[in-house]
Each structure stands twice: as C-alpha cells, then as structure tokens.
Amino acid sequence: MAITLLDSLEPTNRVLKRAQYEAFEFSLLDGDIRVRNESHQNPADHEYRVTVVDGVPAACECPADAVYDGVCKHRVAVAIRPQILDIVKKTQAITDSGVVTDGERQGDQSDTGDTTQCDCDGLSNDFPCWECVRTGRRDLLQ
C-alpha cells in the first residue's frame, strides 16, 4: 500500500480536524502558499507562509510549527488540498524555468476549480483568448 502525503506528515487527529473545518484562505506567494485563517476575529494576525518543497508542505512560519514536534494545521490544510499543491508545483516549475507540458495543462480549468470566464467561444477554434493563454489553459500556437 502506498503512503500518502497525509500519512507521511502524521498529523494528530486534533490538527487534522482543525485543518478541515477552520476557514482558511489560500494565496500563491512566490512559489509558496500564504494561509490565512478567516476563523479569527482579526484574520490578518493569523496568516502564515507555508513553504512547499517537492510537493510537500515542508515548513510554516506559525508559532506552532516552530514549538511543537508535529505538523501544524496550516501545513495539513495545504496537504489535504491537492489542487493547491498542483498549482504550487506548476508555478515553481515555471519560476525555475521549467516547462509545463501539454499533458500537465490538460484539464487545468476543471481540475483546479477555475471559474474564470474566457472569451474563446467568440473566436475561431484556432485562436484562444488571452485569458486562456495567460493561465496556460491553451497555447497560442497549437
């Protein structure tokens, strides 16, 4: 049986539950993820950078990650959301001068839950709209 990312992080039940039910907001931040906890009265005081290394949330700036032996809820919150990790992986590949292949692009719109409206319907099949080119959903030259 293969070990999952969550198995390798070994969160406690308490941390896992909090990672699932607290109102987290995720933002891409230079190849990492900013996790903001909207459950607090002052969410800006509860936002932390989660560093992702090889698809694994490896570190967090929160006090709990520094003080306790186990993984923090912010790292688990990222780990249980594979779509966020996929976006980070692709962003890191592009930032590192990597190339995202067509195979990696297939299904990006549906897999990531991207609901951005595009204007491809009004164009010929050979020419995508700028939003689809910019986000990598379609290539300008196919």
N, C-alpha and C. Protein backbone atom coordinates (compact mmCIF):
# COMPACT_ATOMS: atom_id res chain seq x y z
N MET A 1 0.85 -1.18 0.00
CA MET A 1 0.00 0.00 0.00
C MET A 1 0.89 1.24 0.00
N ALA A 2 0.58 2.19 -0.86
CA ALA A 2 1.38 3.41 -0.98
C ALA A 2 1.09 4.35 0.20
N ILE A 3 2.13 5.04 0.63
CA ILE A 3 1.98 6.02 1.70
C ILE A 3 1.57 7.35 1.08
N THR A 4 0.51 7.93 1.61
CA THR A 4 0.03 9.21 1.09
C THR A 4 0.79 10.36 1.75
N LEU A 5 0.65 11.54 1.18
CA LEU A 5 1.27 12.73 1.74
C LEU A 5 0.80 12.95 3.17
N LEU A 6 -0.47 12.80 3.41
CA LEU A 6 -1.02 12.99 4.74
C LEU A 6 -0.44 11.98 5.73
N ASP A 7 -0.27 10.72 5.28
CA ASP A 7 0.35 9.70 6.14
C ASP A 7 1.77 10.09 6.52
N SER A 8 2.50 10.64 5.57
CA SER A 8 3.90 11.00 5.85
C SER A 8 4.01 12.19 6.81
N LEU A 9 3.02 13.07 6.81
CA LEU A 9 3.04 14.21 7.73
C LEU A 9 2.63 13.81 9.15
N GLU A 10 1.87 12.75 9.28
CA GLU A 10 1.42 12.21 10.57
C GLU A 10 0.79 13.26 11.50
N PRO A 11 -0.26 13.94 11.04
CA PRO A 11 -0.90 14.93 11.92
C PRO A 11 -1.70 14.23 13.02
N THR A 12 -1.83 14.91 14.14
CA THR A 12 -2.71 14.40 15.18
C THR A 12 -4.15 14.56 14.71
N ASN A 13 -5.08 13.84 15.33
CA ASN A 13 -6.49 13.97 14.96
C ASN A 13 -6.98 15.39 15.16
N ARG A 14 -6.53 16.04 16.24
CA ARG A 14 -6.94 17.42 16.52
C ARG A 14 -6.49 18.36 15.41
N VAL A 15 -5.25 18.24 14.99
CA VAL A 15 -4.72 19.09 13.92
C VAL A 15 -5.45 18.82 12.61
N LEU A 16 -5.68 17.56 12.30
CA LEU A 16 -6.38 17.20 11.06
C LEU A 16 -7.80 17.78 11.04
N LYS A 17 -8.51 17.66 12.14
CA LYS A 17 -9.86 18.21 12.20
C LYS A 17 -9.85 19.72 12.03
N ARG A 18 -8.92 20.40 12.69
CA ARG A 18 -8.86 21.86 12.57
C ARG A 18 -8.49 22.28 11.15
N ALA A 19 -7.63 21.52 10.50
CA ALA A 19 -7.24 21.82 9.12
C ALA A 19 -8.43 21.67 8.18
N GLN A 20 -9.39 20.84 8.55
CA GLN A 20 -10.56 20.61 7.71
C GLN A 20 -11.66 21.63 7.96
N TYR A 21 -11.90 22.02 9.21
CA TYR A 21 -13.09 22.84 9.47
C TYR A 21 -12.83 24.33 9.63
N GLU A 22 -11.59 24.74 9.89
CA GLU A 22 -11.36 26.17 10.03
C GLU A 22 -11.41 26.84 8.65
N ALA A 23 -11.78 28.10 8.63
CA ALA A 23 -12.00 28.83 7.37
C ALA A 23 -10.68 29.40 6.85
N PHE A 24 -9.94 28.57 6.14
CA PHE A 24 -8.65 29.01 5.61
C PHE A 24 -8.83 29.64 4.23
N GLU A 25 -8.01 30.64 3.97
CA GLU A 25 -7.93 31.27 2.66
C GLU A 25 -6.50 31.07 2.18
N PHE A 26 -6.33 30.67 0.93
CA PHE A 26 -5.02 30.36 0.38
C PHE A 26 -4.66 31.34 -0.73
N SER A 27 -3.41 31.80 -0.71
CA SER A 27 -2.90 32.69 -1.75
C SER A 27 -1.53 32.21 -2.19
N LEU A 28 -1.29 32.27 -3.48
CA LEU A 28 0.02 31.93 -4.01
C LEU A 28 1.00 33.03 -3.64
N LEU A 29 2.18 32.65 -3.17
CA LEU A 29 3.15 33.62 -2.67
C LEU A 29 4.55 33.19 -3.09
N ASP A 30 5.01 33.66 -4.24
CA ASP A 30 6.37 33.36 -4.71
C ASP A 30 6.72 31.88 -4.66
N GLY A 31 5.85 31.03 -5.13
CA GLY A 31 6.12 29.59 -5.14
C GLY A 31 5.74 28.89 -3.85
N ASP A 32 5.29 29.62 -2.88
CA ASP A 32 4.80 29.04 -1.63
C ASP A 32 3.33 29.42 -1.48
N ILE A 33 2.76 29.13 -0.32
CA ILE A 33 1.34 29.43 -0.07
C ILE A 33 1.21 30.29 1.18
N ARG A 34 0.42 31.33 1.07
CA ARG A 34 0.04 32.09 2.26
C ARG A 34 -1.29 31.52 2.73
N VAL A 35 -1.32 31.10 3.99
CA VAL A 35 -2.53 30.54 4.58
C VAL A 35 -3.03 31.55 5.61
N ARG A 36 -4.24 32.00 5.38
CA ARG A 36 -4.87 32.99 6.27
C ARG A 36 -6.08 32.34 6.93
N ASN A 37 -6.16 32.42 8.25
CA ASN A 37 -7.25 31.80 8.98
C ASN A 37 -8.36 32.82 9.20
N GLU A 38 -9.39 32.72 8.40
CA GLU A 38 -10.53 33.64 8.47
C GLU A 38 -11.46 33.33 9.64
N SER A 39 -11.17 32.28 10.40
CA SER A 39 -11.99 31.94 11.56
C SER A 39 -11.75 32.90 12.73
N HIS A 40 -10.65 33.61 12.70
CA HIS A 40 -10.31 34.52 13.80
C HIS A 40 -10.96 35.89 13.60
N GLN A 41 -11.08 36.62 14.70
CA GLN A 41 -11.65 37.97 14.63
C GLN A 41 -10.77 38.90 13.80
N ASN A 42 -9.47 38.75 13.91
CA ASN A 42 -8.51 39.54 13.12
C ASN A 42 -7.68 38.60 12.25
N PRO A 43 -8.21 38.20 11.09
CA PRO A 43 -7.52 37.22 10.24
C PRO A 43 -6.12 37.65 9.82
N ALA A 44 -5.90 38.95 9.66
CA ALA A 44 -4.57 39.41 9.24
C ALA A 44 -3.49 39.06 10.26
N ASP A 45 -3.89 38.86 11.51
CA ASP A 45 -2.95 38.47 12.55
C ASP A 45 -2.69 36.96 12.55
N HIS A 46 -3.39 36.26 11.67
CA HIS A 46 -3.28 34.80 11.63
C HIS A 46 -3.06 34.32 10.20
N GLU A 47 -2.05 34.88 9.56
CA GLU A 47 -1.67 34.41 8.24
C GLU A 47 -0.19 34.08 8.25
N TYR A 48 0.12 32.94 7.60
CA TYR A 48 1.47 32.41 7.66
C TYR A 48 1.87 31.85 6.31
N ARG A 49 3.16 31.89 6.04
CA ARG A 49 3.72 31.35 4.80
C ARG A 49 4.04 29.88 5.01
N VAL A 50 3.50 29.03 4.13
CA VAL A 50 3.81 27.61 4.14
C VAL A 50 4.75 27.36 2.96
N THR A 51 5.93 26.86 3.26
CA THR A 51 6.92 26.55 2.23
C THR A 51 6.68 25.15 1.70
N VAL A 52 6.62 25.04 0.38
CA VAL A 52 6.37 23.75 -0.27
C VAL A 52 7.64 23.32 -0.98
N VAL A 53 8.11 22.11 -0.67
CA VAL A 53 9.32 21.56 -1.28
C VAL A 53 8.97 20.21 -1.89
N ASP A 54 9.17 20.08 -3.18
CA ASP A 54 8.86 18.84 -3.90
C ASP A 54 7.44 18.35 -3.64
N GLY A 55 6.49 19.28 -3.63
CA GLY A 55 5.09 18.94 -3.47
C GLY A 55 4.67 18.64 -2.04
N VAL A 56 5.54 18.91 -1.07
CA VAL A 56 5.25 18.64 0.33
C VAL A 56 5.27 19.94 1.12
N PRO A 57 4.23 20.24 1.89
CA PRO A 57 4.27 21.41 2.77
C PRO A 57 5.31 21.17 3.85
N ALA A 58 6.51 21.72 3.67
CA ALA A 58 7.67 21.36 4.49
C ALA A 58 7.85 22.22 5.74
N ALA A 59 7.37 23.45 5.71
CA ALA A 59 7.57 24.34 6.85
C ALA A 59 6.49 25.42 6.86
N CYS A 60 6.27 25.97 8.04
CA CYS A 60 5.31 27.06 8.21
C CYS A 60 5.91 28.08 9.17
N GLU A 61 5.57 29.34 8.96
CA GLU A 61 6.07 30.41 9.82
C GLU A 61 5.30 30.55 11.13
N CYS A 62 4.26 29.77 11.33
CA CYS A 62 3.43 29.91 12.54
C CYS A 62 4.20 29.47 13.78
N PRO A 63 3.81 30.00 14.94
CA PRO A 63 4.47 29.61 16.19
C PRO A 63 4.35 28.12 16.49
N ALA A 64 3.22 27.50 16.16
CA ALA A 64 3.01 26.08 16.47
C ALA A 64 4.00 25.19 15.72
N ASP A 65 4.31 25.53 14.48
CA ASP A 65 5.24 24.71 13.70
C ASP A 65 6.64 24.77 14.28
N ALA A 66 6.98 25.90 14.89
CA ALA A 66 8.30 26.05 15.50
C ALA A 66 8.40 25.39 16.88
N VAL A 67 7.31 25.41 17.63
CA VAL A 67 7.34 24.96 19.02
C VAL A 67 7.04 23.48 19.19
N TYR A 68 6.04 22.96 18.48
CA TYR A 68 5.58 21.58 18.69
C TYR A 68 6.30 20.61 17.75
N ASP A 69 6.34 19.35 18.17
CA ASP A 69 7.01 18.32 17.38
C ASP A 69 6.25 17.98 16.10
N GLY A 70 4.93 17.97 16.15
CA GLY A 70 4.14 17.56 15.00
C GLY A 70 3.94 18.68 13.99
N VAL A 71 3.30 18.31 12.91
CA VAL A 71 2.99 19.25 11.83
C VAL A 71 1.86 20.19 12.27
N CYS A 72 1.90 21.43 11.80
CA CYS A 72 0.87 22.41 12.18
C CYS A 72 -0.36 22.28 11.27
N LYS A 73 -1.46 22.89 11.69
CA LYS A 73 -2.72 22.81 10.94
C LYS A 73 -2.61 23.50 9.58
N HIS A 74 -1.75 24.51 9.44
CA HIS A 74 -1.61 25.22 8.17
C HIS A 74 -0.98 24.31 7.12
N ARG A 75 0.05 23.57 7.51
CA ARG A 75 0.68 22.63 6.58
C ARG A 75 -0.29 21.51 6.19
N VAL A 76 -1.07 21.03 7.15
CA VAL A 76 -2.05 19.98 6.87
C VAL A 76 -3.15 20.53 5.98
N ALA A 77 -3.57 21.77 6.22
CA ALA A 77 -4.61 22.39 5.39
C ALA A 77 -4.18 22.44 3.93
N VAL A 78 -2.92 22.71 3.68
CA VAL A 78 -2.41 22.71 2.31
C VAL A 78 -2.33 21.27 1.79
N ALA A 79 -1.86 20.36 2.61
CA ALA A 79 -1.67 18.97 2.18
C ALA A 79 -2.96 18.28 1.79
N ILE A 80 -4.07 18.63 2.43
CA ILE A 80 -5.34 17.96 2.12
C ILE A 80 -6.06 18.60 0.95
N ARG A 81 -5.42 19.56 0.34
CA ARG A 81 -5.99 20.23 -0.85
C ARG A 81 -5.04 20.04 -2.04
N PRO A 82 -5.13 18.90 -2.71
CA PRO A 82 -4.19 18.59 -3.80
C PRO A 82 -4.21 19.60 -4.94
N GLN A 83 -5.33 20.26 -5.15
CA GLN A 83 -5.39 21.25 -6.24
C GLN A 83 -4.45 22.42 -5.94
N ILE A 84 -4.35 22.81 -4.68
CA ILE A 84 -3.44 23.89 -4.30
C ILE A 84 -2.00 23.45 -4.51
N LEU A 85 -1.67 22.23 -4.11
CA LEU A 85 -0.31 21.72 -4.32
C LEU A 85 0.03 21.62 -5.80
N ASP A 86 -0.95 21.26 -6.64
CA ASP A 86 -0.71 21.20 -8.09
C ASP A 86 -0.37 22.58 -8.64
N ILE A 87 -1.10 23.59 -8.19
CA ILE A 87 -0.83 24.96 -8.65
C ILE A 87 0.56 25.40 -8.21
N VAL A 88 0.93 25.10 -6.98
CA VAL A 88 2.27 25.46 -6.49
C VAL A 88 3.34 24.75 -7.31
N LYS A 89 3.14 23.47 -7.57
CA LYS A 89 4.11 22.70 -8.36
C LYS A 89 4.32 23.31 -9.74
N LYS A 90 3.23 23.68 -10.39
CA LYS A 90 3.33 24.27 -11.73
C LYS A 90 3.98 25.65 -11.67
N THR A 91 3.64 26.42 -10.65
CA THR A 91 4.24 27.75 -10.50
C THR A 91 5.73 27.64 -10.23
N GLN A 92 6.12 26.71 -9.39
CA GLN A 92 7.54 26.52 -9.09
C GLN A 92 8.29 26.06 -10.34
N ALA A 93 7.66 25.20 -11.15
CA ALA A 93 8.31 24.73 -12.38
C ALA A 93 8.53 25.89 -13.33
N ILE A 94 7.55 26.76 -13.45
CA ILE A 94 7.68 27.92 -14.34
C ILE A 94 8.71 28.90 -13.79
N THR A 95 8.67 29.14 -12.50
CA THR A 95 9.62 30.06 -11.86
C THR A 95 11.05 29.56 -12.00
N ASP A 96 11.22 28.24 -11.93
CA ASP A 96 12.55 27.64 -12.05
C ASP A 96 12.94 27.41 -13.50
N SER A 97 12.26 28.09 -14.42
CA SER A 97 12.50 27.98 -15.86
C SER A 97 12.12 26.60 -16.39
N GLY A 98 11.28 25.92 -15.65
CA GLY A 98 10.78 24.64 -16.13
C GLY A 98 9.72 24.88 -17.18
N VAL A 99 9.35 23.84 -17.84
CA VAL A 99 8.34 23.93 -18.88
C VAL A 99 7.16 23.09 -18.47
N VAL A 100 5.99 23.66 -18.51
CA VAL A 100 4.77 22.91 -18.23
C VAL A 100 4.33 22.29 -19.55
N THR A 101 4.21 20.97 -19.56
CA THR A 101 3.87 20.27 -20.80
C THR A 101 2.37 20.32 -21.04
N ASP A 102 1.99 20.01 -22.28
CA ASP A 102 0.57 19.98 -22.62
C ASP A 102 -0.17 18.97 -21.76
N GLY A 103 0.47 17.85 -21.42
CA GLY A 103 -0.15 16.83 -20.59
C GLY A 103 -0.48 17.37 -19.21
N GLU A 104 0.38 18.25 -18.67
CA GLU A 104 0.12 18.85 -17.37
C GLU A 104 -0.98 19.89 -17.46
N ARG A 105 -1.15 20.49 -18.64
CA ARG A 105 -2.16 21.54 -18.82
C ARG A 105 -3.55 20.97 -19.03
N GLN A 106 -3.65 19.76 -19.53
CA GLN A 106 -4.96 19.19 -19.84
C GLN A 106 -5.82 19.16 -18.59
N GLY A 107 -6.99 19.71 -18.70
CA GLY A 107 -7.93 19.68 -17.60
C GLY A 107 -7.67 20.72 -16.54
N ASP A 108 -6.72 21.64 -16.75
CA ASP A 108 -6.42 22.63 -15.72
C ASP A 108 -7.66 23.37 -15.27
N GLN A 109 -8.52 23.75 -16.20
CA GLN A 109 -9.68 24.55 -15.84
C GLN A 109 -10.62 23.78 -14.92
N SER A 110 -10.88 22.53 -15.21
CA SER A 110 -11.80 21.78 -14.36
C SER A 110 -11.11 21.23 -13.12
N ASP A 111 -9.84 20.82 -13.21
CA ASP A 111 -9.15 20.24 -12.07
C ASP A 111 -8.91 21.23 -10.96
N THR A 112 -8.64 22.49 -11.27
CA THR A 112 -8.34 23.47 -10.24
C THR A 112 -9.56 24.23 -9.78
N GLY A 113 -10.71 23.94 -10.37
CA GLY A 113 -11.92 24.65 -9.98
C GLY A 113 -11.93 26.08 -10.51
N ASP A 114 -11.12 26.36 -11.51
CA ASP A 114 -11.03 27.70 -12.07
C ASP A 114 -12.34 28.04 -12.77
N THR A 115 -12.97 29.10 -12.30
CA THR A 115 -14.24 29.51 -12.88
C THR A 115 -14.11 30.79 -13.67
N THR A 116 -12.87 31.19 -13.98
CA THR A 116 -12.64 32.40 -14.76
C THR A 116 -13.30 32.25 -16.13
N GLN A 117 -14.07 33.24 -16.49
CA GLN A 117 -14.74 33.22 -17.78
C GLN A 117 -13.74 33.56 -18.88
N CYS A 118 -13.84 32.87 -19.98
CA CYS A 118 -12.96 33.19 -21.10
C CYS A 118 -13.82 33.60 -22.29
N ASP A 119 -13.14 34.14 -23.31
CA ASP A 119 -13.83 34.62 -24.50
C ASP A 119 -13.55 33.74 -25.71
N CYS A 120 -13.14 32.49 -25.49
CA CYS A 120 -12.80 31.60 -26.61
C CYS A 120 -14.01 31.30 -27.50
N ASP A 121 -15.20 31.28 -26.92
CA ASP A 121 -16.39 30.95 -27.71
C ASP A 121 -16.60 31.91 -28.86
N GLY A 122 -16.19 33.17 -28.71
CA GLY A 122 -16.39 34.15 -29.76
C GLY A 122 -15.28 34.16 -30.80
N LEU A 123 -14.27 33.32 -30.63
CA LEU A 123 -13.13 33.28 -31.53
C LEU A 123 -13.13 31.98 -32.33
N SER A 124 -12.31 31.95 -33.37
CA SER A 124 -12.20 30.71 -34.16
C SER A 124 -11.53 29.64 -33.30
N ASN A 125 -11.72 28.39 -33.64
CA ASN A 125 -11.13 27.28 -32.87
C ASN A 125 -9.61 27.31 -32.86
N ASP A 126 -9.01 27.98 -33.84
CA ASP A 126 -7.55 28.02 -33.93
C ASP A 126 -6.94 29.13 -33.09
N PHE A 127 -7.75 30.01 -32.51
CA PHE A 127 -7.21 31.17 -31.81
C PHE A 127 -7.85 31.32 -30.42
N PRO A 128 -7.07 31.10 -29.34
CA PRO A 128 -7.63 31.21 -27.99
C PRO A 128 -7.67 32.66 -27.51
N CYS A 129 -8.46 32.91 -26.49
CA CYS A 129 -8.49 34.25 -25.88
C CYS A 129 -7.25 34.44 -25.01
N TRP A 130 -6.96 35.69 -24.67
CA TRP A 130 -5.77 36.00 -23.88
C TRP A 130 -5.81 35.34 -22.50
N GLU A 131 -6.96 35.29 -21.84
CA GLU A 131 -7.05 34.70 -20.50
C GLU A 131 -6.63 33.23 -20.53
N CYS A 132 -7.04 32.49 -21.55
CA CYS A 132 -6.66 31.08 -21.66
C CYS A 132 -5.16 30.92 -21.94
N VAL A 133 -4.59 31.81 -22.72
CA VAL A 133 -3.14 31.77 -22.99
C VAL A 133 -2.38 32.14 -21.72
N ARG A 134 -2.81 33.20 -21.05
CA ARG A 134 -2.13 33.70 -19.85
C ARG A 134 -2.13 32.67 -18.73
N THR A 135 -3.23 31.97 -18.55
CA THR A 135 -3.34 30.99 -17.47
C THR A 135 -2.83 29.61 -17.86
N GLY A 136 -2.46 29.42 -19.14
CA GLY A 136 -1.91 28.15 -19.57
C GLY A 136 -2.93 27.10 -19.95
N ARG A 137 -4.19 27.49 -20.02
CA ARG A 137 -5.22 26.53 -20.42
C ARG A 137 -5.10 26.15 -21.89
N ARG A 138 -4.64 27.11 -22.72
CA ARG A 138 -4.46 26.84 -24.15
C ARG A 138 -3.19 27.53 -24.63
N ASP A 139 -2.56 26.93 -25.62
CA ASP A 139 -1.40 27.53 -26.24
C ASP A 139 -1.82 28.44 -27.39
N LEU A 140 -1.06 29.49 -27.59
CA LEU A 140 -1.33 30.38 -28.71
C LEU A 140 -1.13 29.64 -30.02
N LEU A 141 -0.07 28.83 -30.08
CA LEU A 141 0.22 28.02 -31.27
C LEU A 141 -0.04 26.57 -30.92
N GLN A 142 -1.03 25.98 -31.56
CA GLN A 142 -1.33 24.58 -31.24
C GLN A 142 -0.98 23.67 -32.36
